[in-house]
């Protein structure tokens, strides 16, 4: 995905470094959230374990989720701001097409999943 994005945007070497750095930062941020699945299951089990629903346990879980989302939004916004500033008008227009089309979607120039002579 990263290589195709850089190719589609026709990035300069400096832009490529920036885009790769920002993507890696976002991936690292998402990876740090992997443990949340198990913590959420534990919290839900604890909330329903008693004779009455433990609303305080649910609220603590939701508060933790809200905080993680705030962090993710901040990271995504900062990364998008830096990439947006580095791209020229033509590259931003192409990025818009790719975002609207989705992976392998109508914004692509072919080669998406399920396309090509061997599919």
C-alpha atoms as a PDB file:
ATOM      1  CA  UNK A   1       0.000   0.000   0.000  1.00  0.00           C
ATOM      2  CA  UNK A   2       2.739   2.443   0.982  1.00  0.00           C
ATOM      3  CA  UNK A   3       4.689   1.892  -2.223  1.00  0.00           C
ATOM      4  CA  UNK A   4       1.585   2.274  -4.392  1.00  0.00           C
ATOM      5  CA  UNK A   5       0.579   5.462  -2.607  1.00  0.00           C
ATOM      6  CA  UNK A   6       4.011   7.004  -3.120  1.00  0.00           C
ATOM      7  CA  UNK A   7       3.985   5.937  -6.754  1.00  0.00           C
ATOM      8  CA  UNK A   8       0.472   7.274  -7.368  1.00  0.00           C
ATOM      9  CA  UNK A   9       1.393  10.626  -5.832  1.00  0.00           C
ATOM     10  CA  UNK A  10       4.693  10.796  -7.724  1.00  0.00           C
ATOM     11  CA  UNK A  11       6.489  11.886  -4.560  1.00  0.00           C
ATOM     12  CA  UNK A  12       9.948  13.382  -4.452  1.00  0.00           C
ATOM     13  CA  UNK A  13      12.501  11.578  -2.276  1.00  0.00           C
ATOM     14  CA  UNK A  14      11.944  14.106   0.528  1.00  0.00           C
ATOM     15  CA  UNK A  15       8.162  13.652   0.310  1.00  0.00           C
ATOM     16  CA  UNK A  16       8.584   9.875   0.327  1.00  0.00           C
ATOM     17  CA  UNK A  17      10.602  10.057   3.545  1.00  0.00           C
ATOM     18  CA  UNK A  18       7.969  12.244   5.166  1.00  0.00           C
ATOM     19  CA  UNK A  19       5.011  10.102   4.080  1.00  0.00           C
ATOM     20  CA  UNK A  20       6.767   6.905   5.207  1.00  0.00           C
ATOM     21  CA  UNK A  21       7.638   8.456   8.559  1.00  0.00           C
ATOM     22  CA  UNK A  22       4.063   9.616   9.130  1.00  0.00           C
ATOM     23  CA  UNK A  23       2.574   6.254   8.096  1.00  0.00           C
ATOM     24  CA  UNK A  24       4.963   4.399  10.409  1.00  0.00           C
ATOM     25  CA  UNK A  25       4.028   6.688  13.267  1.00  0.00           C
ATOM     26  CA  UNK A  26       0.328   6.007  12.729  1.00  0.00           C
ATOM     27  CA  UNK A  27       0.895   2.255  12.440  1.00  0.00           C
ATOM     28  CA  UNK A  28       2.902   2.312  15.670  1.00  0.00           C
ATOM     29  CA  UNK A  29       0.125   4.235  17.374  1.00  0.00           C
ATOM     30  CA  UNK A  30      -2.467   1.709  16.202  1.00  0.00           C
ATOM     31  CA  UNK A  31      -0.282  -1.210  17.281  1.00  0.00           C
ATOM     32  CA  UNK A  32      -0.059   0.257  20.751  1.00  0.00           C
ATOM     33  CA  UNK A  33      -3.834  -0.152  20.972  1.00  0.00           C
ATOM     34  CA  UNK A  34      -3.838  -3.907  20.335  1.00  0.00           C
ATOM     35  CA  UNK A  35      -3.955  -4.718  24.024  1.00  0.00           C
ATOM     36  CA  UNK A  36      -7.158  -2.749  24.347  1.00  0.00           C
ATOM     37  CA  UNK A  37      -9.172  -5.653  22.981  1.00  0.00           C
ATOM     38  CA  UNK A  38      -8.297  -7.938  25.882  1.00  0.00           C
ATOM     39  CA  UNK A  39      -8.650  -5.130  28.422  1.00  0.00           C
ATOM     40  CA  UNK A  40     -12.097  -4.348  27.022  1.00  0.00           C
ATOM     41  CA  UNK A  41     -13.177  -7.975  27.272  1.00  0.00           C
ATOM     42  CA  UNK A  42     -11.992  -8.108  30.878  1.00  0.00           C
ATOM     43  CA  UNK A  43     -13.818  -4.874  31.678  1.00  0.00           C
ATOM     44  CA  UNK A  44     -17.030  -6.118  30.075  1.00  0.00           C
ATOM     45  CA  UNK A  45     -16.827  -9.421  31.927  1.00  0.00           C
ATOM     46  CA  UNK A  46     -16.302  -7.544  35.197  1.00  0.00           C
ATOM     47  CA  UNK A  47     -19.233  -5.220  34.445  1.00  0.00           C
ATOM     48  CA  UNK A  48     -21.686  -8.089  33.910  1.00  0.00           C
ATOM     49  CA  UNK A  49     -20.300 -10.481  36.536  1.00  0.00           C
ATOM     50  CA  UNK A  50     -22.392  -9.264  39.443  1.00  0.00           C
ATOM     51  CA  UNK A  51     -26.095  -9.474  40.079  1.00  0.00           C
ATOM     52  CA  UNK A  52     -26.388  -5.916  38.706  1.00  0.00           C
ATOM     53  CA  UNK A  53     -24.597  -4.260  35.849  1.00  0.00           C
ATOM     54  CA  UNK A  54     -21.498  -2.438  37.099  1.00  0.00           C
ATOM     55  CA  UNK A  55     -21.992   0.912  35.411  1.00  0.00           C
ATOM     56  CA  UNK A  56     -18.857   2.333  37.014  1.00  0.00           C
ATOM     57  CA  UNK A  57     -16.748  -0.365  35.316  1.00  0.00           C
ATOM     58  CA  UNK A  58     -18.395   0.435  31.983  1.00  0.00           C
ATOM     59  CA  UNK A  59     -17.815   4.151  32.411  1.00  0.00           C
ATOM     60  CA  UNK A  60     -14.149   3.561  33.284  1.00  0.00           C
ATOM     61  CA  UNK A  61     -13.777   1.482  30.116  1.00  0.00           C
ATOM     62  CA  UNK A  62     -15.556   4.097  27.989  1.00  0.00           C
ATOM     63  CA  UNK A  63     -13.398   6.853  29.467  1.00  0.00           C
ATOM     64  CA  UNK A  64     -10.266   4.895  28.578  1.00  0.00           C
ATOM     65  CA  UNK A  65     -11.600   4.345  25.039  1.00  0.00           C
ATOM     66  CA  UNK A  66     -12.398   8.041  24.699  1.00  0.00           C
ATOM     67  CA  UNK A  67      -8.866   8.971  25.745  1.00  0.00           C
ATOM     68  CA  UNK A  68      -7.327   6.542  23.258  1.00  0.00           C
ATOM     69  CA  UNK A  69      -9.523   7.976  20.484  1.00  0.00           C
ATOM     70  CA  UNK A  70      -8.457  11.513  21.392  1.00  0.00           C
ATOM     71  CA  UNK A  71      -4.828  10.398  21.095  1.00  0.00           C
ATOM     72  CA  UNK A  72      -5.466   8.649  17.777  1.00  0.00           C
ATOM     73  CA  UNK A  73      -7.307  11.657  16.349  1.00  0.00           C
ATOM     74  CA  UNK A  74      -4.473  13.958  17.396  1.00  0.00           C
ATOM     75  CA  UNK A  75      -1.878  11.700  15.777  1.00  0.00           C
ATOM     76  CA  UNK A  76      -3.871  11.362  12.573  1.00  0.00           C
ATOM     77  CA  UNK A  77      -4.568  15.107  12.379  1.00  0.00           C
ATOM     78  CA  UNK A  78      -0.916  16.002  12.911  1.00  0.00           C
ATOM     79  CA  UNK A  79       0.262  13.458  10.328  1.00  0.00           C
ATOM     80  CA  UNK A  80      -2.283  14.633   7.755  1.00  0.00           C
ATOM     81  CA  UNK A  81      -1.322  18.243   8.358  1.00  0.00           C
ATOM     82  CA  UNK A  82       2.371  17.536   7.726  1.00  0.00           C
ATOM     83  CA  UNK A  83       1.700  15.425   4.615  1.00  0.00           C
ATOM     84  CA  UNK A  84      -0.828  17.922   3.257  1.00  0.00           C
ATOM     85  CA  UNK A  85       1.693  20.749   3.609  1.00  0.00           C
ATOM     86  CA  UNK A  86       4.364  18.737   1.783  1.00  0.00           C
ATOM     87  CA  UNK A  87       2.242  17.856  -1.256  1.00  0.00           C
ATOM     88  CA  UNK A  88       1.627  20.136  -4.198  1.00  0.00           C
ATOM     89  CA  UNK A  89      -1.820  20.842  -5.649  1.00  0.00           C
ATOM     90  CA  UNK A  90      -1.600  18.034  -8.229  1.00  0.00           C
ATOM     91  CA  UNK A  91      -0.573  15.498  -5.605  1.00  0.00           C
ATOM     92  CA  UNK A  92      -3.339  16.586  -3.230  1.00  0.00           C
ATOM     93  CA  UNK A  93      -5.886  16.213  -6.045  1.00  0.00           C
ATOM     94  CA  UNK A  94      -4.647  12.660  -6.692  1.00  0.00           C
ATOM     95  CA  UNK A  95      -4.747  11.872  -2.973  1.00  0.00           C
ATOM     96  CA  UNK A  96      -8.372  13.012  -2.885  1.00  0.00           C
ATOM     97  CA  UNK A  97      -9.186  10.589  -5.725  1.00  0.00           C
ATOM     98  CA  UNK A  98      -7.465   7.743  -3.892  1.00  0.00           C
ATOM     99  CA  UNK A  99      -9.233   8.494  -0.617  1.00  0.00           C
ATOM    100  CA  UNK A 100     -12.632   8.696  -2.275  1.00  0.00           C
ATOM    101  CA  UNK A 101     -12.069   5.490  -4.220  1.00  0.00           C
ATOM    102  CA  UNK A 102     -10.713   3.426  -1.338  1.00  0.00           C
ATOM    103  CA  UNK A 103      -8.203   0.577  -1.652  1.00  0.00           C
ATOM    104  CA  UNK A 104      -8.419  -0.803  -5.181  1.00  0.00           C
ATOM    105  CA  UNK A 105     -11.534   1.280  -5.732  1.00  0.00           C
ATOM    106  CA  UNK A 106     -12.578   3.708  -8.402  1.00  0.00           C
ATOM    107  CA  UNK A 107      -9.872   6.181  -7.375  1.00  0.00           C
ATOM    108  CA  UNK A 108      -7.158   3.742  -8.405  1.00  0.00           C
ATOM    109  CA  UNK A 109      -5.670   3.244 -11.823  1.00  0.00           C
ATOM    110  CA  UNK A 110      -6.154  -0.498 -11.848  1.00  0.00           C
ATOM    111  CA  UNK A 111      -4.267  -3.272 -10.178  1.00  0.00           C
ATOM    112  CA  UNK A 112      -6.575  -3.384  -7.186  1.00  0.00           C
ATOM    113  CA  UNK A 113      -7.800  -6.534  -5.512  1.00  0.00           C
ATOM    114  CA  UNK A 114      -9.661  -8.752  -7.922  1.00  0.00           C
ATOM    115  CA  UNK A 115      -8.400  -6.918 -10.988  1.00  0.00           C
ATOM    116  CA  UNK A 116      -5.868  -7.928 -13.610  1.00  0.00           C
ATOM    117  CA  UNK A 117      -5.487 -10.827 -16.013  1.00  0.00           C
ATOM    118  CA  UNK A 118      -4.981 -13.459 -13.291  1.00  0.00           C
ATOM    119  CA  UNK A 119      -8.081 -12.734 -11.231  1.00  0.00           C
END
